[in-house]
Amino acid sequence: YRLKDEGLVETYSCEDDARITRVVLTEKGNQMTHKINDLTNVVLEQSFEGLTPLQIEKMMESLKYIFKNLAH
């Protein structure tokens, strides 16, 4: 409801099932996602600064195993 109040999304009932509420981004919401993605990219670039692509790849592989282990 807050996102709707802020004009970031619009909602409407599903034509097939009124229990379902559809949510779509407004133009303002779309612009906000672009801003968020831009900021996220800056943080992501900073977090990997000084690492080689091979180091990043190895780290990602290790994180996949850790995530898999924690999922059990």
PDB file of N, CA and C in Angstrom:
ATOM      1  N   TYR A   1       0.816  -1.195   0.000  1.00  0.00           N
ATOM      2  CA  TYR A   1       0.000   0.000   0.000  1.00  0.00           C
ATOM      3  C   TYR A   1       0.864   1.265   0.000  1.00  0.00           C
ATOM      4  N   ARG A   2       2.009   1.182   0.718  1.00  0.00           N
ATOM      5  CA  ARG A   2       2.893   2.341   0.760  1.00  0.00           C
ATOM      6  C   ARG A   2       3.434   2.672  -0.625  1.00  0.00           C
ATOM      7  N   LEU A   3       3.832   1.638  -1.374  1.00  0.00           N
ATOM      8  CA  LEU A   3       4.330   1.866  -2.728  1.00  0.00           C
ATOM      9  C   LEU A   3       3.267   2.493  -3.614  1.00  0.00           C
ATOM     10  N   LYS A   4       2.040   2.062  -3.412  1.00  0.00           N
ATOM     11  CA  LYS A   4       0.927   2.647  -4.175  1.00  0.00           C
ATOM     12  C   LYS A   4       0.703   4.095  -3.757  1.00  0.00           C
ATOM     13  N   ASP A   5       0.736   4.352  -2.446  1.00  0.00           N
ATOM     14  CA  ASP A   5       0.556   5.714  -1.943  1.00  0.00           C
ATOM     15  C   ASP A   5       1.645   6.654  -2.459  1.00  0.00           C
ATOM     16  N   GLU A   6       2.842   6.112  -2.661  1.00  0.00           N
ATOM     17  CA  GLU A   6       3.961   6.921  -3.154  1.00  0.00           C
ATOM     18  C   GLU A   6       3.973   7.032  -4.676  1.00  0.00           C
ATOM     19  N   GLY A   7       3.013   6.373  -5.341  1.00  0.00           N
ATOM     20  CA  GLY A   7       2.910   6.473  -6.792  1.00  0.00           C
ATOM     21  C   GLY A   7       3.905   5.604  -7.541  1.00  0.00           C
ATOM     22  N   LEU A   8       4.457   4.595  -6.876  1.00  0.00           N
ATOM     23  CA  LEU A   8       5.449   3.727  -7.505  1.00  0.00           C
ATOM     24  C   LEU A   8       4.818   2.525  -8.204  1.00  0.00           C
ATOM     25  N   VAL A   9       3.646   2.117  -7.761  1.00  0.00           N
ATOM     26  CA  VAL A   9       2.932   0.994  -8.379  1.00  0.00           C
ATOM     27  C   VAL A   9       1.454   1.321  -8.501  1.00  0.00           C
ATOM     28  N   GLU A  10       0.794   0.594  -9.395  1.00  0.00           N
ATOM     29  CA  GLU A  10      -0.656   0.617  -9.506  1.00  0.00           C
ATOM     30  C   GLU A  10      -1.139  -0.809  -9.311  1.00  0.00           C
ATOM     31  N   THR A  11      -2.323  -0.954  -8.770  1.00  0.00           N
ATOM     32  CA  THR A  11      -2.883  -2.289  -8.555  1.00  0.00           C
ATOM     33  C   THR A  11      -4.256  -2.386  -9.203  1.00  0.00           C
ATOM     34  N   TYR A  12      -4.597  -3.611  -9.553  1.00  0.00           N
ATOM     35  CA  TYR A  12      -5.936  -3.876 -10.079  1.00  0.00           C
ATOM     36  C   TYR A  12      -6.263  -5.342  -9.837  1.00  0.00           C
ATOM     37  N   SER A  13      -7.542  -5.644  -9.786  1.00  0.00           N
ATOM     38  CA  SER A  13      -7.984  -7.021  -9.560  1.00  0.00           C
ATOM     39  C   SER A  13      -7.842  -7.830 -10.834  1.00  0.00           C
ATOM     40  N   CYS A  14      -7.492  -9.077 -10.659  1.00  0.00           N
ATOM     41  CA  CYS A  14      -7.389 -10.009 -11.784  1.00  0.00           C
ATOM     42  C   CYS A  14      -8.793 -10.259 -12.334  1.00  0.00           C
ATOM     43  N   GLU A  15      -8.910 -10.222 -13.653  1.00  0.00           N
ATOM     44  CA  GLU A  15     -10.218 -10.442 -14.287  1.00  0.00           C
ATOM     45  C   GLU A  15     -10.721 -11.865 -14.072  1.00  0.00           C
ATOM     46  N   ASP A  16      -9.800 -12.829 -14.022  1.00  0.00           N
ATOM     47  CA  ASP A  16     -10.187 -14.238 -13.874  1.00  0.00           C
ATOM     48  C   ASP A  16     -10.472 -14.633 -12.434  1.00  0.00           C
ATOM     49  N   ASP A  17      -9.798 -13.968 -11.485  1.00  0.00           N
ATOM     50  CA  ASP A  17      -9.943 -14.334 -10.080  1.00  0.00           C
ATOM     51  C   ASP A  17      -9.792 -13.066  -9.243  1.00  0.00           C
ATOM     52  N   ALA A  18     -10.890 -12.554  -8.740  1.00  0.00           N
ATOM     53  CA  ALA A  18     -10.886 -11.286  -8.004  1.00  0.00           C
ATOM     54  C   ALA A  18     -10.083 -11.355  -6.708  1.00  0.00           C
ATOM     55  N   ARG A  19      -9.735 -12.562  -6.269  1.00  0.00           N
ATOM     56  CA  ARG A  19      -8.913 -12.682  -5.061  1.00  0.00           C
ATOM     57  C   ARG A  19      -7.465 -12.276  -5.325  1.00  0.00           C
ATOM     58  N   ILE A  20      -7.084 -12.239  -6.595  1.00  0.00           N
ATOM     59  CA  ILE A  20      -5.715 -11.920  -6.989  1.00  0.00           C
ATOM     60  C   ILE A  20      -5.621 -10.438  -7.331  1.00  0.00           C
ATOM     61  N   THR A  21      -4.631  -9.783  -6.745  1.00  0.00           N
ATOM     62  CA  THR A  21      -4.371  -8.376  -7.053  1.00  0.00           C
ATOM     63  C   THR A  21      -3.111  -8.293  -7.895  1.00  0.00           C
ATOM     64  N   ARG A  22      -3.231  -7.704  -9.048  1.00  0.00           N
ATOM     65  CA  ARG A  22      -2.087  -7.496  -9.947  1.00  0.00           C
ATOM     66  C   ARG A  22      -1.402  -6.182  -9.570  1.00  0.00           C
ATOM     67  N   VAL A  23      -0.083  -6.178  -9.653  1.00  0.00           N
ATOM     68  CA  VAL A  23       0.701  -4.988  -9.330  1.00  0.00           C
ATOM     69  C   VAL A  23       1.605  -4.677 -10.512  1.00  0.00           C
ATOM     70  N   VAL A  24       1.602  -3.424 -10.961  1.00  0.00           N
ATOM     71  CA  VAL A  24       2.469  -2.994 -12.061  1.00  0.00           C
ATOM     72  C   VAL A  24       3.194  -1.721 -11.644  1.00  0.00           C
ATOM     73  N   LEU A  25       4.415  -1.583 -12.139  1.00  0.00           N
ATOM     74  CA  LEU A  25       5.185  -0.377 -11.874  1.00  0.00           C
ATOM     75  C   LEU A  25       4.635   0.800 -12.664  1.00  0.00           C
ATOM     76  N   THR A  26       4.623   1.947 -12.036  1.00  0.00           N
ATOM     77  CA  THR A  26       4.300   3.174 -12.749  1.00  0.00           C
ATOM     78  C   THR A  26       5.605   3.693 -13.368  1.00  0.00           C
ATOM     79  N   GLU A  27       5.516   4.761 -14.125  1.00  0.00           N
ATOM     80  CA  GLU A  27       6.727   5.367 -14.685  1.00  0.00           C
ATOM     81  C   GLU A  27       7.654   5.821 -13.560  1.00  0.00           C
ATOM     82  N   LYS A  28       7.069   6.375 -12.511  1.00  0.00           N
ATOM     83  CA  LYS A  28       7.865   6.794 -11.347  1.00  0.00           C
ATOM     84  C   LYS A  28       8.544   5.584 -10.699  1.00  0.00           C
ATOM     85  N   GLY A  29       7.828   4.474 -10.614  1.00  0.00           N
ATOM     86  CA  GLY A  29       8.398   3.241 -10.058  1.00  0.00           C
ATOM     87  C   GLY A  29       9.512   2.707 -10.928  1.00  0.00           C
ATOM     88  N   ASN A  30       9.328   2.802 -12.230  1.00  0.00           N
ATOM     89  CA  ASN A  30      10.350   2.357 -13.170  1.00  0.00           C
ATOM     90  C   ASN A  30      11.614   3.197 -13.023  1.00  0.00           C
ATOM     91  N   GLN A  31      11.443   4.510 -12.889  1.00  0.00           N
ATOM     92  CA  GLN A  31      12.592   5.387 -12.686  1.00  0.00           C
ATOM     93  C   GLN A  31      13.313   5.060 -11.381  1.00  0.00           C
ATOM     94  N   MET A  32      12.544   4.730 -10.351  1.00  0.00           N
ATOM     95  CA  MET A  32      13.138   4.388  -9.055  1.00  0.00           C
ATOM     96  C   MET A  32      13.964   3.112  -9.162  1.00  0.00           C
ATOM     97  N   THR A  33      13.475   2.124  -9.915  1.00  0.00           N
ATOM     98  CA  THR A  33      14.260   0.888 -10.067  1.00  0.00           C
ATOM     99  C   THR A  33      15.573   1.166 -10.788  1.00  0.00           C
ATOM    100  N   HIS A  34      15.567   2.088 -11.738  1.00  0.00           N
ATOM    101  CA  HIS A  34      16.811   2.448 -12.427  1.00  0.00           C
ATOM    102  C   HIS A  34      17.794   3.105 -11.448  1.00  0.00           C
ATOM    103  N   LYS A  35      17.296   3.986 -10.595  1.00  0.00           N
ATOM    104  CA  LYS A  35      18.149   4.630  -9.596  1.00  0.00           C
ATOM    105  C   LYS A  35      18.735   3.594  -8.632  1.00  0.00           C
ATOM    106  N   ILE A  36      17.890   2.675  -8.191  1.00  0.00           N
ATOM    107  CA  ILE A  36      18.337   1.631  -7.260  1.00  0.00           C
ATOM    108  C   ILE A  36      19.392   0.752  -7.919  1.00  0.00           C
ATOM    109  N   ASN A  37      19.155   0.368  -9.181  1.00  0.00           N
ATOM    110  CA  ASN A  37      20.133  -0.458  -9.902  1.00  0.00           C
ATOM    111  C   ASN A  37      21.462   0.268 -10.064  1.00  0.00           C
ATOM    112  N   ASP A  38      21.419   1.569 -10.366  1.00  0.00           N
ATOM    113  CA  ASP A  38      22.648   2.352 -10.502  1.00  0.00           C
ATOM    114  C   ASP A  38      23.436   2.369  -9.194  1.00  0.00           C
ATOM    115  N   LEU A  39      22.737   2.597  -8.083  1.00  0.00           N
ATOM    116  CA  LEU A  39      23.402   2.613  -6.778  1.00  0.00           C
ATOM    117  C   LEU A  39      23.954   1.241  -6.415  1.00  0.00           C
ATOM    118  N   THR A  40      23.196   0.215  -6.725  1.00  0.00           N
ATOM    119  CA  THR A  40      23.641  -1.149  -6.443  1.00  0.00           C
ATOM    120  C   THR A  40      24.897  -1.482  -7.233  1.00  0.00           C
ATOM    121  N   ASN A  41      24.947  -1.053  -8.492  1.00  0.00           N
ATOM    122  CA  ASN A  41      26.133  -1.304  -9.319  1.00  0.00           C
ATOM    123  C   ASN A  41      27.367  -0.639  -8.742  1.00  0.00           C
ATOM    124  N   VAL A  42      27.225   0.577  -8.206  1.00  0.00           N
ATOM    125  CA  VAL A  42      28.355   1.269  -7.590  1.00  0.00           C
ATOM    126  C   VAL A  42      28.858   0.477  -6.381  1.00  0.00           C
ATOM    127  N   VAL A  43      27.944   0.044  -5.528  1.00  0.00           N
ATOM    128  CA  VAL A  43      28.318  -0.725  -4.341  1.00  0.00           C
ATOM    129  C   VAL A  43      28.970  -2.046  -4.751  1.00  0.00           C
ATOM    130  N   LEU A  44      28.417  -2.690  -5.768  1.00  0.00           N
ATOM    131  CA  LEU A  44      28.965  -3.964  -6.236  1.00  0.00           C
ATOM    132  C   LEU A  44      30.382  -3.787  -6.774  1.00  0.00           C
ATOM    133  N   GLU A  45      30.591  -2.749  -7.557  1.00  0.00           N
ATOM    134  CA  GLU A  45      31.927  -2.482  -8.090  1.00  0.00           C
ATOM    135  C   GLU A  45      32.919  -2.214  -6.967  1.00  0.00           C
ATOM    136  N   GLN A  46      32.510  -1.449  -5.973  1.00  0.00           N
ATOM    137  CA  GLN A  46      33.390  -1.148  -4.844  1.00  0.00           C
ATOM    138  C   GLN A  46      33.724  -2.399  -4.051  1.00  0.00           C
ATOM    139  N   SER A  47      32.759  -3.296  -3.912  1.00  0.00           N
ATOM    140  CA  SER A  47      32.972  -4.488  -3.097  1.00  0.00           C
ATOM    141  C   SER A  47      33.977  -5.449  -3.723  1.00  0.00           C
ATOM    142  N   PHE A  48      34.104  -5.431  -5.050  1.00  0.00           N
ATOM    143  CA  PHE A  48      35.040  -6.330  -5.725  1.00  0.00           C
ATOM    144  C   PHE A  48      36.328  -5.625  -6.147  1.00  0.00           C
ATOM    145  N   GLU A  49      36.495  -4.378  -5.724  1.00  0.00           N
ATOM    146  CA  GLU A  49      37.673  -3.606  -6.101  1.00  0.00           C
ATOM    147  C   GLU A  49      38.953  -4.310  -5.630  1.00  0.00           C
ATOM    148  N   GLY A  50      39.920  -4.415  -6.520  1.00  0.00           N
ATOM    149  CA  GLY A  50      41.198  -5.031  -6.180  1.00  0.00           C
ATOM    150  C   GLY A  50      41.250  -6.529  -6.415  1.00  0.00           C
ATOM    151  N   LEU A  51      40.122  -7.122  -6.764  1.00  0.00           N
ATOM    152  CA  LEU A  51      40.092  -8.558  -7.045  1.00  0.00           C
ATOM    153  C   LEU A  51      40.147  -8.783  -8.552  1.00  0.00           C
ATOM    154  N   THR A  52      40.850  -9.813  -8.948  1.00  0.00           N
ATOM    155  CA  THR A  52      40.905 -10.154 -10.363  1.00  0.00           C
ATOM    156  C   THR A  52      39.630 -10.911 -10.729  1.00  0.00           C
ATOM    157  N   PRO A  53      39.291 -10.965 -12.009  1.00  0.00           N
ATOM    158  CA  PRO A  53      38.111 -11.753 -12.415  1.00  0.00           C
ATOM    159  C   PRO A  53      38.200 -13.212 -11.963  1.00  0.00           C
ATOM    160  N   LEU A  54      39.391 -13.787 -11.984  1.00  0.00           N
ATOM    161  CA  LEU A  54      39.555 -15.182 -11.540  1.00  0.00           C
ATOM    162  C   LEU A  54      39.269 -15.300 -10.040  1.00  0.00           C
ATOM    163  N   GLN A  55      39.734 -14.351  -9.246  1.00  0.00           N
ATOM    164  CA  GLN A  55      39.462 -14.380  -7.811  1.00  0.00           C
ATOM    165  C   GLN A  55      37.966 -14.273  -7.538  1.00  0.00           C
ATOM    166  N   ILE A  56      37.297 -13.427  -8.286  1.00  0.00           N
ATOM    167  CA  ILE A  56      35.845 -13.258  -8.124  1.00  0.00           C
ATOM    168  C   ILE A  56      35.131 -14.549  -8.495  1.00  0.00           C
ATOM    169  N   GLU A  57      35.557 -15.160  -9.585  1.00  0.00           N
ATOM    170  CA  GLU A  57      34.929 -16.414 -10.023  1.00  0.00           C
ATOM    171  C   GLU A  57      35.105 -17.506  -8.977  1.00  0.00           C
ATOM    172  N   LYS A  58      36.305 -17.634  -8.423  1.00  0.00           N
ATOM    173  CA  LYS A  58      36.558 -18.654  -7.393  1.00  0.00           C
ATOM    174  C   LYS A  58      35.729 -18.385  -6.142  1.00  0.00           C
ATOM    175  N   MET A  59      35.639 -17.120  -5.769  1.00  0.00           N
ATOM    176  CA  MET A  59      34.852 -16.765  -4.598  1.00  0.00           C
ATOM    177  C   MET A  59      33.385 -17.107  -4.819  1.00  0.00           C
ATOM    178  N   MET A  60      32.876 -16.822  -5.998  1.00  0.00           N
ATOM    179  CA  MET A  60      31.473 -17.118  -6.298  1.00  0.00           C
ATOM    180  C   MET A  60      31.212 -18.617  -6.243  1.00  0.00           C
ATOM    181  N   GLU A  61      32.152 -19.409  -6.732  1.00  0.00           N
ATOM    182  CA  GLU A  61      32.011 -20.868  -6.651  1.00  0.00           C
ATOM    183  C   GLU A  61      31.966 -21.319  -5.200  1.00  0.00           C
ATOM    184  N   SER A  62      32.844 -20.766  -4.380  1.00  0.00           N
ATOM    185  CA  SER A  62      32.858 -21.110  -2.957  1.00  0.00           C
ATOM    186  C   SER A  62      31.548 -20.713  -2.297  1.00  0.00           C
ATOM    187  N   LEU A  63      31.029 -19.534  -2.620  1.00  0.00           N
ATOM    188  CA  LEU A  63      29.770 -19.086  -2.038  1.00  0.00           C
ATOM    189  C   LEU A  63      28.598 -19.970  -2.454  1.00  0.00           C
ATOM    190  N   LYS A  64      28.651 -20.499  -3.682  1.00  0.00           N
ATOM    191  CA  LYS A  64      27.597 -21.423  -4.126  1.00  0.00           C
ATOM    192  C   LYS A  64      27.573 -22.663  -3.243  1.00  0.00           C
ATOM    193  N   TYR A  65      28.755 -23.201  -2.922  1.00  0.00           N
ATOM    194  CA  TYR A  65      28.829 -24.380  -2.064  1.00  0.00           C
ATOM    195  C   TYR A  65      28.336 -24.062  -0.654  1.00  0.00           C
ATOM    196  N   ILE A  66      28.729 -22.903  -0.143  1.00  0.00           N
ATOM    197  CA  ILE A  66      28.291 -22.513   1.191  1.00  0.00           C
ATOM    198  C   ILE A  66      26.779 -22.378   1.223  1.00  0.00           C
ATOM    199  N   PHE A  67      26.218 -21.719   0.220  1.00  0.00           N
ATOM    200  CA  PHE A  67      24.764 -21.550   0.145  1.00  0.00           C
ATOM    201  C   PHE A  67      24.074 -22.908   0.074  1.00  0.00           C
ATOM    202  N   LYS A  68      24.610 -23.799  -0.747  1.00  0.00           N
ATOM    203  CA  LYS A  68      24.030 -25.140  -0.883  1.00  0.00           C
ATOM    204  C   LYS A  68      24.080 -25.878   0.456  1.00  0.00           C
ATOM    205  N   ASN A  69      25.205 -25.769   1.159  1.00  0.00           N
ATOM    206  CA  ASN A  69      25.352 -26.429   2.454  1.00  0.00           C
ATOM    207  C   ASN A  69      24.371 -25.881   3.487  1.00  0.00           C
ATOM    208  N   LEU A  70      24.140 -24.588   3.452  1.00  0.00           N
ATOM    209  CA  LEU A  70      23.217 -23.977   4.416  1.00  0.00           C
ATOM    210  C   LEU A  70      21.764 -24.277   4.095  1.00  0.00           C
ATOM    211  N   ALA A  71      21.485 -24.659   2.866  1.00  0.00           N
ATOM    212  CA  ALA A  71      20.111 -24.951   2.461  1.00  0.00           C
ATOM    213  C   ALA A  71      19.605 -26.276   3.005  1.00  0.00           C
ATOM    214  N   HIS A  72      20.501 -27.117   3.491  1.00  0.00           N
ATOM    215  CA  HIS A  72      20.083 -28.435   4.011  1.00  0.00           C
ATOM    216  C   HIS A  72      19.485 -28.348   5.369  1.00  0.00           C
TER     217      HIS A  72
END
